[in-house]
PDB file of all heavy atoms in Angstrom:
ATOM      1  N   VAL A   1     -13.477   9.540   0.323  1.00  0.00           N
ATOM      2  CA  VAL A   1     -13.079   8.333   1.050  1.00  0.00           C
ATOM      3  C   VAL A   1     -11.611   8.009   0.765  1.00  0.00           C
ATOM      4  O   VAL A   1     -10.842   7.670   1.676  1.00  0.00           O
ATOM      5  CB  VAL A   1     -13.996   7.156   0.655  1.00  0.00           C
ATOM      6  CG1 VAL A   1     -13.444   5.836   1.210  1.00  0.00           C
ATOM      7  CG2 VAL A   1     -15.409   7.398   1.163  1.00  0.00           C
ATOM      8  N   ARG A   2     -11.216   8.101  -0.511  1.00  0.00           N
ATOM      9  CA  ARG A   2      -9.825   7.823  -0.872  1.00  0.00           C
ATOM     10  C   ARG A   2      -8.868   8.782  -0.186  1.00  0.00           C
ATOM     11  O   ARG A   2      -7.836   8.384   0.362  1.00  0.00           O
ATOM     12  CB  ARG A   2      -9.653   7.923  -2.388  1.00  0.00           C
ATOM     13  CG  ARG A   2      -8.214   7.683  -2.880  1.00  0.00           C
ATOM     14  CD  ARG A   2      -7.984   8.342  -4.222  1.00  0.00           C
ATOM     15  NE  ARG A   2      -8.106   9.789  -4.121  1.00  0.00           N
ATOM     16  CZ  ARG A   2      -8.476  10.579  -5.139  1.00  0.00           C
ATOM     17  NH1 ARG A   2      -8.798  10.050  -6.310  1.00  0.00           N
ATOM     18  NH2 ARG A   2      -8.549  11.883  -4.964  1.00  0.00           N
ATOM     19  N   GLU A   3      -9.176  10.086  -0.209  1.00  0.00           N
ATOM     20  CA  GLU A   3      -8.300  11.086   0.396  1.00  0.00           C
ATOM     21  C   GLU A   3      -8.186  10.880   1.901  1.00  0.00           C
ATOM     22  O   GLU A   3      -7.123  11.071   2.486  1.00  0.00           O
ATOM     23  CB  GLU A   3      -8.826  12.500   0.089  1.00  0.00           C
ATOM     24  CG  GLU A   3      -8.678  12.922  -1.353  1.00  0.00           C
ATOM     25  CD  GLU A   3      -7.235  13.050  -1.780  1.00  0.00           C
ATOM     26  OE1 GLU A   3      -6.400  13.508  -0.966  1.00  0.00           O
ATOM     27  OE2 GLU A   3      -6.924  12.696  -2.936  1.00  0.00           O
ATOM     28  N   CYS A   4      -9.276  10.475   2.527  1.00  0.00           N
ATOM     29  CA  CYS A   4      -9.244  10.210   3.970  1.00  0.00           C
ATOM     30  C   CYS A   4      -8.319   9.027   4.264  1.00  0.00           C
ATOM     31  O   CYS A   4      -7.577   9.030   5.259  1.00  0.00           O
ATOM     32  CB  CYS A   4     -10.652   9.946   4.470  1.00  0.00           C
ATOM     33  SG  CYS A   4     -10.757   9.694   6.248  1.00  0.00           S
ATOM     34  N   PHE A   5      -8.353   8.019   3.394  1.00  0.00           N
ATOM     35  CA  PHE A   5      -7.477   6.862   3.562  1.00  0.00           C
ATOM     36  C   PHE A   5      -6.007   7.277   3.403  1.00  0.00           C
ATOM     37  O   PHE A   5      -5.146   6.904   4.204  1.00  0.00           O
ATOM     38  CB  PHE A   5      -7.849   5.783   2.545  1.00  0.00           C
ATOM     39  CG  PHE A   5      -7.111   4.485   2.725  1.00  0.00           C
ATOM     40  CD1 PHE A   5      -6.774   4.006   3.985  1.00  0.00           C
ATOM     41  CD2 PHE A   5      -6.762   3.729   1.614  1.00  0.00           C
ATOM     42  CE1 PHE A   5      -6.103   2.793   4.145  1.00  0.00           C
ATOM     43  CE2 PHE A   5      -6.083   2.521   1.760  1.00  0.00           C
ATOM     44  CZ  PHE A   5      -5.752   2.063   3.029  1.00  0.00           C
ATOM     45  N   GLU A   6      -5.719   8.062   2.370  1.00  0.00           N
ATOM     46  CA  GLU A   6      -4.352   8.508   2.116  1.00  0.00           C
ATOM     47  C   GLU A   6      -3.809   9.366   3.257  1.00  0.00           C
ATOM     48  O   GLU A   6      -2.710   9.149   3.756  1.00  0.00           O
ATOM     49  CB  GLU A   6      -4.288   9.315   0.817  1.00  0.00           C
ATOM     50  CG  GLU A   6      -4.461   8.531  -0.463  1.00  0.00           C
ATOM     51  CD  GLU A   6      -4.273   9.431  -1.673  1.00  0.00           C
ATOM     52  OE1 GLU A   6      -3.643  10.505  -1.528  1.00  0.00           O
ATOM     53  OE2 GLU A   6      -4.740   9.068  -2.767  1.00  0.00           O
ATOM     54  N   GLU A   7      -4.590  10.360   3.647  1.00  0.00           N
ATOM     55  CA  GLU A   7      -4.084  11.399   4.552  1.00  0.00           C
ATOM     56  C   GLU A   7      -4.222  11.034   6.028  1.00  0.00           C
ATOM     57  O   GLU A   7      -3.397  11.458   6.849  1.00  0.00           O
ATOM     58  CB  GLU A   7      -4.807  12.723   4.277  1.00  0.00           C
ATOM     59  CG  GLU A   7      -4.527  13.284   2.889  1.00  0.00           C
ATOM     60  CD  GLU A   7      -5.163  14.647   2.684  1.00  0.00           C
ATOM     61  OE1 GLU A   7      -5.909  15.093   3.585  1.00  0.00           O
ATOM     62  OE2 GLU A   7      -4.926  15.266   1.633  1.00  0.00           O
ATOM     63  N   ALA A   8      -5.265  10.276   6.366  1.00  0.00           N
ATOM     64  CA  ALA A   8      -5.508   9.978   7.784  1.00  0.00           C
ATOM     65  C   ALA A   8      -5.391   8.503   8.116  1.00  0.00           C
ATOM     66  O   ALA A   8      -5.441   8.126   9.291  1.00  0.00           O
ATOM     67  CB  ALA A   8      -6.894  10.483   8.188  1.00  0.00           C
ATOM     68  N   GLY A   9      -5.264   7.642   7.091  1.00  0.00           N
ATOM     69  CA  GLY A   9      -5.145   6.209   7.356  1.00  0.00           C
ATOM     70  C   GLY A   9      -6.434   5.545   7.758  1.00  0.00           C
ATOM     71  O   GLY A   9      -6.429   4.429   8.280  1.00  0.00           O
ATOM     72  N   VAL A  10      -7.569   6.201   7.535  1.00  0.00           N
ATOM     73  CA  VAL A  10      -8.882   5.663   7.896  1.00  0.00           C
ATOM     74  C   VAL A  10      -9.657   5.383   6.608  1.00  0.00           C
ATOM     75  O   VAL A  10      -9.804   6.277   5.769  1.00  0.00           O
ATOM     76  CB  VAL A  10      -9.661   6.647   8.790  1.00  0.00           C
ATOM     77  CG1 VAL A  10     -11.076   6.143   9.034  1.00  0.00           C
ATOM     78  CG2 VAL A  10      -8.935   6.866  10.111  1.00  0.00           C
ATOM     79  N   LEU A  11     -10.136   4.150   6.457  1.00  0.00           N
ATOM     80  CA  LEU A  11     -10.885   3.765   5.260  1.00  0.00           C
ATOM     81  C   LEU A  11     -12.319   3.398   5.651  1.00  0.00           C
ATOM     82  O   LEU A  11     -12.546   2.471   6.444  1.00  0.00           O
ATOM     83  CB  LEU A  11     -10.217   2.577   4.572  1.00  0.00           C
ATOM     84  CG  LEU A  11     -10.908   2.067   3.297  1.00  0.00           C
ATOM     85  CD1 LEU A  11     -10.963   3.160   2.234  1.00  0.00           C
ATOM     86  CD2 LEU A  11     -10.208   0.822   2.761  1.00  0.00           C
ATOM     87  N   VAL A  12     -13.263   4.120   5.105  1.00  0.00           N
ATOM     88  CA  VAL A  12     -14.684   3.844   5.335  1.00  0.00           C
ATOM     89  C   VAL A  12     -15.101   2.782   4.320  1.00  0.00           C
ATOM     90  O   VAL A  12     -15.313   3.084   3.144  1.00  0.00           O
ATOM     91  CB  VAL A  12     -15.529   5.120   5.186  1.00  0.00           C
ATOM     92  CG1 VAL A  12     -17.002   4.800   5.440  1.00  0.00           C
ATOM     93  CG2 VAL A  12     -15.040   6.203   6.122  1.00  0.00           C
ATOM     94  N   ALA A  13     -15.164   1.536   4.761  1.00  0.00           N
ATOM     95  CA  ALA A  13     -15.465   0.422   3.855  1.00  0.00           C
ATOM     96  C   ALA A  13     -16.111  -0.717   4.627  1.00  0.00           C
ATOM     97  O   ALA A  13     -15.990  -0.807   5.855  1.00  0.00           O
ATOM     98  CB  ALA A  13     -14.184  -0.061   3.169  1.00  0.00           C
ATOM     99  N   VAL A  14     -16.799  -1.592   3.897  1.00  0.00           N
ATOM    100  CA  VAL A  14     -17.423  -2.770   4.484  1.00  0.00           C
ATOM    101  C   VAL A  14     -16.969  -4.006   3.720  1.00  0.00           C
ATOM    102  O   VAL A  14     -16.605  -3.936   2.535  1.00  0.00           O
ATOM    103  CB  VAL A  14     -18.965  -2.678   4.464  1.00  0.00           C
ATOM    104  CG1 VAL A  14     -19.448  -1.526   5.334  1.00  0.00           C
ATOM    105  CG2 VAL A  14     -19.489  -2.529   3.032  1.00  0.00           C
ATOM    106  N   ASP A  15     -16.960  -5.149   4.405  1.00  0.00           N
ATOM    107  CA  ASP A  15     -16.563  -6.394   3.745  1.00  0.00           C
ATOM    108  C   ASP A  15     -17.762  -7.022   3.036  1.00  0.00           C
ATOM    109  O   ASP A  15     -18.842  -6.418   2.962  1.00  0.00           O
ATOM    110  CB  ASP A  15     -15.923  -7.355   4.748  1.00  0.00           C
ATOM    111  CG  ASP A  15     -16.878  -7.773   5.871  1.00  0.00           C
ATOM    112  OD1 ASP A  15     -18.111  -7.643   5.689  1.00  0.00           O
ATOM    113  OD2 ASP A  15     -16.393  -8.224   6.919  1.00  0.00           O
ATOM    114  N   ALA A  16     -17.557  -8.242   2.545  1.00  0.00           N
ATOM    115  CA  ALA A  16     -18.607  -8.894   1.765  1.00  0.00           C
ATOM    116  C   ALA A  16     -19.872  -9.149   2.572  1.00  0.00           C
ATOM    117  O   ALA A  16     -20.969  -9.294   2.015  1.00  0.00           O
ATOM    118  CB  ALA A  16     -18.072 -10.216   1.206  1.00  0.00           C
ATOM    119  N   ASP A  17     -19.746  -9.196   3.903  1.00  0.00           N
ATOM    120  CA  ASP A  17     -20.913  -9.400   4.763  1.00  0.00           C
ATOM    121  C   ASP A  17     -21.544  -8.088   5.214  1.00  0.00           C
ATOM    122  O   ASP A  17     -22.473  -8.088   6.032  1.00  0.00           O
ATOM    123  CB  ASP A  17     -20.509 -10.212   5.997  1.00  0.00           C
ATOM    124  CG  ASP A  17     -20.041 -11.611   5.631  1.00  0.00           C
ATOM    125  OD1 ASP A  17     -20.634 -12.204   4.710  1.00  0.00           O
ATOM    126  OD2 ASP A  17     -19.069 -12.083   6.246  1.00  0.00           O
ATOM    127  N   GLY A  18     -21.018  -6.973   4.698  1.00  0.00           N
ATOM    128  CA  GLY A  18     -21.558  -5.664   5.076  1.00  0.00           C
ATOM    129  C   GLY A  18     -21.073  -5.171   6.416  1.00  0.00           C
ATOM    130  O   GLY A  18     -21.631  -4.211   6.961  1.00  0.00           O
ATOM    131  N   VAL A  19     -20.015  -5.786   6.945  1.00  0.00           N
ATOM    132  CA  VAL A  19     -19.469  -5.393   8.240  1.00  0.00           C
ATOM    133  C   VAL A  19     -18.378  -4.347   8.041  1.00  0.00           C
ATOM    134  O   VAL A  19     -17.492  -4.508   7.192  1.00  0.00           O
ATOM    135  CB  VAL A  19     -18.888  -6.614   8.986  1.00  0.00           C
ATOM    136  CG1 VAL A  19     -18.271  -6.187  10.313  1.00  0.00           C
ATOM    137  CG2 VAL A  19     -19.976  -7.661   9.201  1.00  0.00           C
ATOM    138  N   THR A  20     -18.441  -3.286   8.817  1.00  0.00           N
ATOM    139  CA  THR A  20     -17.433  -2.229   8.726  1.00  0.00           C
ATOM    140  C   THR A  20     -16.062  -2.779   9.114  1.00  0.00           C
ATOM    141  O   THR A  20     -15.927  -3.462  10.131  1.00  0.00           O
ATOM    142  CB  THR A  20     -17.794  -1.059   9.659  1.00  0.00           C
ATOM    143  OG1 THR A  20     -19.091  -0.574   9.328  1.00  0.00           O
ATOM    144  CG2 THR A  20     -16.783   0.066   9.527  1.00  0.00           C
ATOM    145  N   ILE A  21     -15.055  -2.491   8.327  1.00  0.00           N
ATOM    146  CA  ILE A  21     -13.726  -3.015   8.619  1.00  0.00           C
ATOM    147  C   ILE A  21     -13.138  -2.299   9.834  1.00  0.00           C
ATOM    148  O   ILE A  21     -13.377  -1.108  10.061  1.00  0.00           O
ATOM    149  CB  ILE A  21     -12.774  -2.880   7.414  1.00  0.00           C
ATOM    150  CG1 ILE A  21     -12.528  -1.403   7.069  1.00  0.00           C
ATOM    151  CG2 ILE A  21     -13.332  -3.617   6.210  1.00  0.00           C
ATOM    152  CD1 ILE A  21     -11.426  -1.207   6.037  1.00  0.00           C
ATOM    153  N   GLY A  22     -12.376  -3.048  10.614  1.00  0.00           N
ATOM    154  CA  GLY A  22     -11.772  -2.508  11.828  1.00  0.00           C
ATOM    155  C   GLY A  22     -10.293  -2.247  11.658  1.00  0.00           C
ATOM    156  O   GLY A  22      -9.740  -2.283  10.544  1.00  0.00           O
ATOM    157  N   GLY A  23      -9.628  -2.018  12.786  1.00  0.00           N
ATOM    158  CA  GLY A  23      -8.231  -1.623  12.751  1.00  0.00           C
ATOM    159  C   GLY A  23      -7.264  -2.728  12.401  1.00  0.00           C
ATOM    160  O   GLY A  23      -6.082  -2.470  12.140  1.00  0.00           O
ATOM    161  N   ASP A  24      -7.719  -3.998  12.368  1.00  0.00           N
ATOM    162  CA  ASP A  24      -6.816  -5.106  12.067  1.00  0.00           C
ATOM    163  C   ASP A  24      -6.984  -5.621  10.640  1.00  0.00           C
ATOM    164  O   ASP A  24      -6.410  -6.648  10.276  1.00  0.00           O
ATOM    165  CB  ASP A  24      -7.052  -6.252  13.050  1.00  0.00           C
ATOM    166  CG  ASP A  24      -8.502  -6.751  13.026  1.00  0.00           C
ATOM    167  OD1 ASP A  24      -9.355  -6.086  12.384  1.00  0.00           O
ATOM    168  OD2 ASP A  24      -8.787  -7.782  13.667  1.00  0.00           O
ATOM    169  N   HIS A  25      -7.751  -4.932   9.819  1.00  0.00           N
ATOM    170  CA  HIS A  25      -7.976  -5.409   8.451  1.00  0.00           C
ATOM    171  C   HIS A  25      -6.720  -5.180   7.611  1.00  0.00           C
ATOM    172  O   HIS A  25      -6.110  -4.114   7.665  1.00  0.00           O
ATOM    173  CB  HIS A  25      -9.175  -4.701   7.820  1.00  0.00           C
ATOM    174  CG  HIS A  25      -9.712  -5.406   6.615  1.00  0.00           C
ATOM    175  ND1 HIS A  25      -9.079  -5.390   5.401  1.00  0.00           N
ATOM    176  CD2 HIS A  25     -10.823  -6.190   6.459  1.00  0.00           C
ATOM    177  CE1 HIS A  25      -9.781  -6.102   4.528  1.00  0.00           C
ATOM    178  NE2 HIS A  25     -10.849  -6.597   5.154  1.00  0.00           N
TER     179      HIS A  25
END
C-alpha cells in the first residue's frame, strides 16, 4: 500500500467512518 502511494499516488485507505478516501482527501 505504501509503495503504491509513493509510486502511483494512489492510497488504499478508509476514514474513521470506514469510507474509502477519494481524490480530494
